[in-house]
């Protein structure tokens, strides 16, 4: 019983440490976003968040192209990192959607 209690205390202490570290990281990225809001747009672009997949047509029908697992993994990792950094900046989904629509409307 004592071992279980000690493990629970260690787990809670570690969770508090992670929470504090996450809060400090969010504060840093939030300050960066407050200093220059263009950083958010840069992350949207670097993470390819607004990029549509390339479609191939044959006789007017969309066909599935070959899938490269390495490319998929790279794209998912790039997108995930960009979304995490944007979330740390305190940007809402609505703000991201508005930015993507604004970029789409530009010539």
C-alpha atoms as a PDB file:
ATOM      1  CA  UNK A   1       0.000   0.000   0.000  1.00  0.00           C
ATOM      2  CA  UNK A   2       2.823   2.369   0.864  1.00  0.00           C
ATOM      3  CA  UNK A   3       4.520   1.716  -2.497  1.00  0.00           C
ATOM      4  CA  UNK A   4       1.295   2.493  -4.337  1.00  0.00           C
ATOM      5  CA  UNK A   5       0.898   5.730  -2.359  1.00  0.00           C
ATOM      6  CA  UNK A   6       4.519   6.733  -3.085  1.00  0.00           C
ATOM      7  CA  UNK A   7       4.049   6.043  -6.805  1.00  0.00           C
ATOM      8  CA  UNK A   8       0.887   8.161  -6.810  1.00  0.00           C
ATOM      9  CA  UNK A   9       2.744  11.054  -5.169  1.00  0.00           C
ATOM     10  CA  UNK A  10       5.595  10.752  -7.694  1.00  0.00           C
ATOM     11  CA  UNK A  11       3.105  10.699 -10.583  1.00  0.00           C
ATOM     12  CA  UNK A  12       1.259  13.768  -9.260  1.00  0.00           C
ATOM     13  CA  UNK A  13       4.515  15.657  -8.736  1.00  0.00           C
ATOM     14  CA  UNK A  14       5.653  14.831 -12.274  1.00  0.00           C
ATOM     15  CA  UNK A  15       2.275  15.923 -13.676  1.00  0.00           C
ATOM     16  CA  UNK A  16       2.527  19.249 -11.855  1.00  0.00           C
ATOM     17  CA  UNK A  17       6.016  19.752 -13.267  1.00  0.00           C
ATOM     18  CA  UNK A  18       4.779  19.020 -16.806  1.00  0.00           C
ATOM     19  CA  UNK A  19       1.851  21.363 -16.325  1.00  0.00           C
ATOM     20  CA  UNK A  20       4.150  24.164 -15.192  1.00  0.00           C
ATOM     21  CA  UNK A  21       6.518  23.524 -18.105  1.00  0.00           C
ATOM     22  CA  UNK A  22       3.592  23.537 -20.557  1.00  0.00           C
ATOM     23  CA  UNK A  23       2.311  26.804 -19.079  1.00  0.00           C
ATOM     24  CA  UNK A  24       5.751  28.397 -19.387  1.00  0.00           C
ATOM     25  CA  UNK A  25       5.980  27.257 -23.004  1.00  0.00           C
ATOM     26  CA  UNK A  26       2.500  28.621 -23.755  1.00  0.00           C
ATOM     27  CA  UNK A  27       3.484  31.944 -22.180  1.00  0.00           C
ATOM     28  CA  UNK A  28       6.580  32.197 -24.405  1.00  0.00           C
ATOM     29  CA  UNK A  29       4.710  31.378 -27.621  1.00  0.00           C
ATOM     30  CA  UNK A  30       1.787  33.602 -26.599  1.00  0.00           C
ATOM     31  CA  UNK A  31       4.205  36.491 -26.089  1.00  0.00           C
ATOM     32  CA  UNK A  32       5.745  35.820 -29.498  1.00  0.00           C
ATOM     33  CA  UNK A  33       2.303  35.859 -31.118  1.00  0.00           C
ATOM     34  CA  UNK A  34       1.388  39.073 -29.294  1.00  0.00           C
ATOM     35  CA  UNK A  35       4.610  40.693 -30.531  1.00  0.00           C
ATOM     36  CA  UNK A  36       4.110  39.737 -34.179  1.00  0.00           C
ATOM     37  CA  UNK A  37       0.815  38.158 -35.296  1.00  0.00           C
ATOM     38  CA  UNK A  38       2.373  37.327 -38.677  1.00  0.00           C
ATOM     39  CA  UNK A  39       4.115  34.401 -36.967  1.00  0.00           C
ATOM     40  CA  UNK A  40       0.771  32.603 -36.911  1.00  0.00           C
ATOM     41  CA  UNK A  41       0.421  32.956 -40.674  1.00  0.00           C
ATOM     42  CA  UNK A  42       3.986  31.733 -41.080  1.00  0.00           C
ATOM     43  CA  UNK A  43       3.160  28.590 -39.102  1.00  0.00           C
ATOM     44  CA  UNK A  44       0.000  28.024 -41.152  1.00  0.00           C
ATOM     45  CA  UNK A  45       2.131  28.240 -44.290  1.00  0.00           C
ATOM     46  CA  UNK A  46       5.056  26.142 -42.989  1.00  0.00           C
ATOM     47  CA  UNK A  47       2.691  23.482 -41.654  1.00  0.00           C
ATOM     48  CA  UNK A  48       0.885  23.440 -44.988  1.00  0.00           C
ATOM     49  CA  UNK A  49      -2.384  23.721 -43.086  1.00  0.00           C
ATOM     50  CA  UNK A  50      -4.192  25.446 -45.945  1.00  0.00           C
ATOM     51  CA  UNK A  51      -2.795  23.229 -48.693  1.00  0.00           C
ATOM     52  CA  UNK A  52      -5.222  21.016 -50.562  1.00  0.00           C
ATOM     53  CA  UNK A  53      -4.081  17.581 -51.665  1.00  0.00           C
ATOM     54  CA  UNK A  54      -2.992  17.267 -55.276  1.00  0.00           C
ATOM     55  CA  UNK A  55      -5.655  15.532 -57.349  1.00  0.00           C
ATOM     56  CA  UNK A  56      -5.015  13.546 -60.519  1.00  0.00           C
ATOM     57  CA  UNK A  57      -7.740  13.238 -63.135  1.00  0.00           C
ATOM     58  CA  UNK A  58      -8.352  10.579 -65.715  1.00  0.00           C
ATOM     59  CA  UNK A  59     -11.271  11.061 -68.120  1.00  0.00           C
ATOM     60  CA  UNK A  60     -12.662  13.730 -65.820  1.00  0.00           C
ATOM     61  CA  UNK A  61     -12.628  11.481 -62.747  1.00  0.00           C
ATOM     62  CA  UNK A  62     -10.380  11.939 -59.714  1.00  0.00           C
ATOM     63  CA  UNK A  63      -8.079   8.939 -59.328  1.00  0.00           C
ATOM     64  CA  UNK A  64      -6.038   7.960 -56.317  1.00  0.00           C
ATOM     65  CA  UNK A  65      -2.307   8.298 -56.815  1.00  0.00           C
ATOM     66  CA  UNK A  66       0.399   6.184 -55.246  1.00  0.00           C
ATOM     67  CA  UNK A  67       0.808   6.727 -51.523  1.00  0.00           C
ATOM     68  CA  UNK A  68       4.291   7.296 -50.139  1.00  0.00           C
ATOM     69  CA  UNK A  69       4.355   6.473 -46.398  1.00  0.00           C
ATOM     70  CA  UNK A  70       7.455   8.610 -45.824  1.00  0.00           C
ATOM     71  CA  UNK A  71       5.801  11.663 -47.386  1.00  0.00           C
ATOM     72  CA  UNK A  72       2.619  11.079 -45.390  1.00  0.00           C
ATOM     73  CA  UNK A  73       4.599  10.847 -42.147  1.00  0.00           C
ATOM     74  CA  UNK A  74       6.546  14.008 -42.936  1.00  0.00           C
ATOM     75  CA  UNK A  75       3.384  15.945 -43.775  1.00  0.00           C
ATOM     76  CA  UNK A  76       1.589  14.740 -40.648  1.00  0.00           C
ATOM     77  CA  UNK A  77       4.560  15.648 -38.456  1.00  0.00           C
ATOM     78  CA  UNK A  78       4.890  19.081 -40.043  1.00  0.00           C
ATOM     79  CA  UNK A  79       1.159  19.731 -39.616  1.00  0.00           C
ATOM     80  CA  UNK A  80       1.088  18.451 -36.032  1.00  0.00           C
ATOM     81  CA  UNK A  81       4.013  20.652 -34.965  1.00  0.00           C
ATOM     82  CA  UNK A  82       2.491  23.732 -36.587  1.00  0.00           C
ATOM     83  CA  UNK A  83      -0.863  23.077 -34.874  1.00  0.00           C
ATOM     84  CA  UNK A  84       0.824  22.594 -31.498  1.00  0.00           C
ATOM     85  CA  UNK A  85       2.752  25.859 -31.796  1.00  0.00           C
ATOM     86  CA  UNK A  86      -0.338  27.738 -32.949  1.00  0.00           C
ATOM     87  CA  UNK A  87      -2.292  26.308 -30.009  1.00  0.00           C
ATOM     88  CA  UNK A  88       0.463  27.444 -27.632  1.00  0.00           C
ATOM     89  CA  UNK A  89       0.023  30.942 -29.063  1.00  0.00           C
ATOM     90  CA  UNK A  90      -3.596  30.864 -27.920  1.00  0.00           C
ATOM     91  CA  UNK A  91      -5.016  31.093 -31.434  1.00  0.00           C
ATOM     92  CA  UNK A  92      -8.546  29.783 -31.821  1.00  0.00           C
ATOM     93  CA  UNK A  93      -9.796  27.557 -34.631  1.00  0.00           C
ATOM     94  CA  UNK A  94     -11.971  30.435 -35.848  1.00  0.00           C
ATOM     95  CA  UNK A  95      -8.914  32.692 -36.179  1.00  0.00           C
ATOM     96  CA  UNK A  96      -7.082  30.016 -38.177  1.00  0.00           C
ATOM     97  CA  UNK A  97     -10.082  29.530 -40.478  1.00  0.00           C
ATOM     98  CA  UNK A  98     -10.366  33.283 -41.015  1.00  0.00           C
ATOM     99  CA  UNK A  99      -6.673  33.495 -41.893  1.00  0.00           C
ATOM    100  CA  UNK A 100      -6.971  30.613 -44.351  1.00  0.00           C
ATOM    101  CA  UNK A 101     -10.010  32.222 -45.998  1.00  0.00           C
ATOM    102  CA  UNK A 102      -8.195  35.564 -46.220  1.00  0.00           C
ATOM    103  CA  UNK A 103      -5.198  33.844 -47.876  1.00  0.00           C
ATOM    104  CA  UNK A 104      -7.531  32.064 -50.285  1.00  0.00           C
ATOM    105  CA  UNK A 105      -9.201  35.352 -51.299  1.00  0.00           C
ATOM    106  CA  UNK A 106      -5.867  37.036 -52.126  1.00  0.00           C
ATOM    107  CA  UNK A 107      -4.925  37.009 -55.833  1.00  0.00           C
END
